[in-house]
Amino acid sequence: MWESIIGTVNSWDVSLFYFVNLINNQFLNIIMPIITFAGTEIFWIVVCGVIFIFGGEKGRKVAILCLVALALGYFISEALKYLVARPRPYAILNGVNFYFSMEGYSFPSGHSVASFTACTFLGIKYGYLYLFLALAVLVGFSRIYLGLHYPSDVIFGALIGVMCSLLVLKWEDLLWDKILKFKSKL
C-alpha cells in the first residue's frame, strides 16, 4: 500500500515538475535566474544588513531575529539534504531544461527555505505579508523552472521556512533577551 502511495506522489511530483520546467519562455528564461537570487542566504543577509543600518531600533531587532530564523532554516534544510540525499531533477530525468548546475542535493529547496523564512518574518513584522509571500512563491517557482528542484522540494522548503519564522516569532522576547545578555557580556 505504501509503495503505491509513494509511487503516485512521485509520479505527480515528476509530472508537475515537467509541466513547469518545460514552459521554456524567453522572458522567463531571463527573469527566473534573477528571481532565484532572492532565495540565496547572501541576498537575505544583505537585506537584513540594510534593515539593521537604516531601520532604527526596531530594524536592528527585526534584522537580528530574521537572521536567527534564517540560520535555523539553513541548518534544518542542510541536515535534511544529507539525510534524504535526493538527486536534483536535471541529474536523473531526461529532457530537463536546466540553466546551470548546482552542488548538493535537491530536498528540500534551500532557496525556498530562505525566501519563505525571510518573507514570512519580514511580512509579519512590517506588514505586506501577501506581497512578501508572493516573492517567496516566485522564488520557489523559479527553482522548478530552472530544473533544480521538484515541486515537493519547494513545498517542503516553504513549510520549513514558515515554521522557522513562526518559531522565532513565538520565542521572540526570550531570544531577544538572550541576545542582549550575550551582547552585554562582550
Protein backbone atom coordinates (compact mmCIF):
# COMPACT_ATOMS: atom_id res chain seq x y z
CA MET A 1 0.00 0.00 0.00
CA TRP A 2 2.75 2.49 0.96
CA GLU A 3 4.66 1.69 -2.22
CA SER A 4 1.56 2.58 -4.23
CA ILE A 5 1.11 5.89 -2.38
CA ILE A 6 4.79 6.80 -2.72
CA GLY A 7 4.72 5.86 -6.41
CA THR A 8 1.66 8.03 -7.00
CA VAL A 9 3.18 11.01 -5.15
CA ASN A 10 6.46 10.62 -7.04
CA SER A 11 4.61 10.40 -10.36
CA TRP A 12 2.67 13.57 -9.51
CA ASP A 13 5.89 15.30 -8.45
CA VAL A 14 7.69 14.44 -11.71
CA SER A 15 4.66 15.35 -13.86
CA LEU A 16 4.25 18.73 -12.20
CA PHE A 17 8.00 19.30 -12.45
CA TYR A 18 7.91 18.73 -16.22
CA PHE A 19 4.80 20.90 -16.58
CA VAL A 20 6.65 23.89 -15.07
CA ASN A 21 10.14 23.13 -16.34
CA LEU A 22 9.15 22.66 -19.98
CA ILE A 23 7.39 26.04 -20.30
CA ASN A 24 10.60 27.44 -21.83
CA ASN A 25 9.54 31.05 -22.35
CA GLN A 26 12.13 33.63 -23.50
CA PHE A 27 11.04 36.23 -20.92
CA LEU A 28 11.08 33.66 -18.11
CA ASN A 29 14.46 32.39 -19.28
CA ILE A 30 15.82 35.87 -18.49
CA ILE A 31 13.83 36.73 -15.35
CA MET A 32 13.90 33.39 -13.46
CA PRO A 33 17.68 33.35 -12.84
CA ILE A 34 17.31 36.87 -11.41
CA ILE A 35 14.33 35.93 -9.21
CA THR A 36 16.07 32.81 -7.93
CA PHE A 37 18.79 35.03 -6.45
CA ALA A 38 16.20 36.27 -3.91
CA GLY A 39 16.37 32.79 -2.39
CA THR A 40 20.04 32.94 -1.51
CA GLU A 41 21.21 33.42 2.04
CA ILE A 42 23.54 36.22 0.89
CA PHE A 43 20.57 38.15 -0.54
CA TRP A 44 18.74 38.00 2.79
CA ILE A 45 21.87 38.79 4.80
CA VAL A 46 22.24 41.97 2.73
CA VAL A 47 18.53 42.80 3.18
CA CYS A 48 18.86 42.29 6.94
CA GLY A 49 22.01 44.44 6.92
CA VAL A 50 20.14 47.28 5.25
CA ILE A 51 17.25 46.93 7.72
CA PHE A 52 19.74 46.86 10.60
CA ILE A 53 21.51 50.03 9.42
CA PHE A 54 18.52 52.09 8.32
CA GLY A 55 15.61 50.63 10.32
CA GLY A 56 16.22 52.24 13.68
CA GLU A 57 15.83 50.30 16.93
CA LYS A 58 13.00 48.16 15.57
CA GLY A 59 15.03 47.44 12.43
CA ARG A 60 18.02 46.21 14.43
CA LYS A 61 15.83 43.80 16.37
CA VAL A 62 13.97 42.62 13.28
CA ALA A 63 17.18 42.13 11.30
CA ILE A 64 18.91 40.11 14.00
CA LEU A 65 15.89 37.91 14.71
CA CYS A 66 15.34 37.37 10.99
CA LEU A 67 18.95 36.19 10.75
CA VAL A 68 18.30 33.79 13.63
CA ALA A 69 15.30 32.37 11.76
CA LEU A 70 17.37 32.12 8.56
CA ALA A 71 20.15 30.29 10.40
CA LEU A 72 17.65 27.85 11.88
CA GLY A 73 16.16 27.19 8.45
CA TYR A 74 19.59 26.78 6.91
CA PHE A 75 20.71 24.14 9.41
CA ILE A 76 17.44 22.21 9.17
CA SER A 77 17.49 22.21 5.35
CA GLU A 78 21.16 21.22 5.15
CA ALA A 79 20.63 18.35 7.59
CA LEU A 80 17.63 17.12 5.59
CA LYS A 81 19.55 17.37 2.31
CA TYR A 82 22.16 14.92 3.59
CA LEU A 83 19.65 12.64 5.30
CA VAL A 84 17.38 12.33 2.25
CA ALA A 85 20.13 12.66 -0.41
CA ARG A 86 17.69 13.22 -3.28
CA PRO A 87 19.45 13.95 -6.59
CA ARG A 88 18.48 17.10 -8.46
CA PRO A 89 15.97 16.58 -11.29
CA TYR A 90 18.37 17.54 -14.08
CA ALA A 91 20.77 14.85 -12.83
CA ILE A 92 18.34 11.94 -13.23
CA LEU A 93 15.45 12.93 -15.53
CA ASN A 94 15.56 13.09 -19.31
CA GLY A 95 14.75 16.23 -21.30
CA VAL A 96 15.06 18.70 -18.44
CA ASN A 97 15.67 22.36 -19.24
CA PHE A 98 18.32 23.50 -16.80
CA TYR A 99 20.31 26.66 -16.93
CA PHE A 100 23.13 25.92 -14.52
CA SER A 101 24.12 23.04 -12.30
CA MET A 102 24.45 23.14 -8.54
CA GLU A 103 26.32 21.16 -5.92
CA GLY A 104 24.39 19.25 -3.31
CA TYR A 105 21.06 17.53 -3.10
CA SER A 106 17.57 18.57 -4.06
CA PHE A 107 15.38 18.01 -0.99
CA PRO A 108 14.41 20.41 0.47
CA SER A 109 14.95 23.55 -1.58
CA GLY A 110 17.29 25.76 0.42
CA HIS A 111 16.29 28.77 -1.69
CA SER A 112 12.65 28.15 -0.76
CA VAL A 113 13.56 27.75 2.91
CA ALA A 114 15.47 31.05 2.90
CA SER A 115 12.91 33.04 0.94
CA PHE A 116 9.90 31.75 2.89
CA THR A 117 11.72 32.26 6.19
CA ALA A 118 12.65 35.87 5.48
CA CYS A 119 9.44 36.77 3.66
CA THR A 120 7.24 35.33 6.40
CA PHE A 121 9.26 37.01 9.14
CA LEU A 122 9.51 40.41 7.45
CA GLY A 123 5.93 40.23 6.19
CA ILE A 124 4.62 39.68 9.71
CA LYS A 125 6.88 42.30 11.31
CA TYR A 126 6.34 45.03 8.68
CA GLY A 127 3.02 44.11 7.11
CA TYR A 128 2.59 43.33 3.44
CA LEU A 129 2.68 39.59 4.21
CA TYR A 130 0.98 38.65 0.94
CA LEU A 131 3.39 40.74 -1.11
CA PHE A 132 6.38 39.15 0.63
CA LEU A 133 4.91 35.67 0.22
CA ALA A 134 4.31 36.34 -3.49
CA LEU A 135 8.06 36.93 -3.83
CA ALA A 136 8.78 33.68 -1.98
CA VAL A 137 6.38 31.78 -4.26
CA LEU A 138 8.15 33.24 -7.29
CA VAL A 139 11.49 32.05 -5.92
CA GLY A 140 10.07 28.56 -5.44
CA PHE A 141 8.62 28.56 -8.94
CA SER A 142 11.98 29.68 -10.33
CA ARG A 143 13.71 26.69 -8.73
CA ILE A 144 11.41 24.29 -10.60
CA TYR A 145 11.53 26.29 -13.82
CA LEU A 146 15.33 26.26 -13.76
CA GLY A 147 15.37 22.46 -13.38
CA LEU A 148 16.95 22.48 -9.93
CA HIS A 149 14.10 21.21 -7.72
CA TYR A 150 10.94 19.13 -7.75
CA PRO A 151 7.71 20.75 -6.57
CA SER A 152 7.84 18.71 -3.35
CA ASP A 153 11.31 20.14 -2.62
CA VAL A 154 9.86 23.63 -2.88
CA ILE A 155 6.72 22.82 -0.88
CA PHE A 156 8.68 21.29 1.99
CA GLY A 157 11.20 24.14 1.82
CA ALA A 158 8.32 26.61 2.11
CA LEU A 159 6.87 24.76 5.11
CA ILE A 160 10.25 24.67 6.85
CA GLY A 161 10.77 28.39 6.19
CA VAL A 162 7.36 29.39 7.51
CA MET A 163 7.80 27.16 10.58
CA CYS A 164 11.24 28.63 11.36
CA SER A 165 9.86 32.17 11.18
CA LEU A 166 6.88 31.33 13.34
CA LEU A 167 9.11 29.62 15.92
CA VAL A 168 11.40 32.64 16.18
CA LEU A 169 8.39 34.96 16.37
CA LYS A 170 6.83 32.80 19.11
CA TRP A 171 10.04 32.93 21.16
CA GLU A 172 10.97 36.46 20.08
CA ASP A 173 11.11 38.03 23.55
CA LEU A 174 13.12 35.19 25.07
CA LEU A 175 15.56 35.14 22.14
CA TRP A 176 15.97 38.90 22.21
CA ASP A 177 16.68 38.84 25.95
CA LYS A 178 19.34 36.14 25.39
CA ILE A 179 20.90 38.15 22.56
CA LEU A 180 21.02 41.30 24.70
CA LYS A 181 22.58 39.39 27.62
CA PHE A 182 25.16 37.88 25.28
CA LYS A 183 25.91 41.32 23.82
CA SER A 184 26.37 42.83 27.29
CA LYS A 185 29.00 40.19 28.11
CA LEU A 186 31.12 41.14 25.09
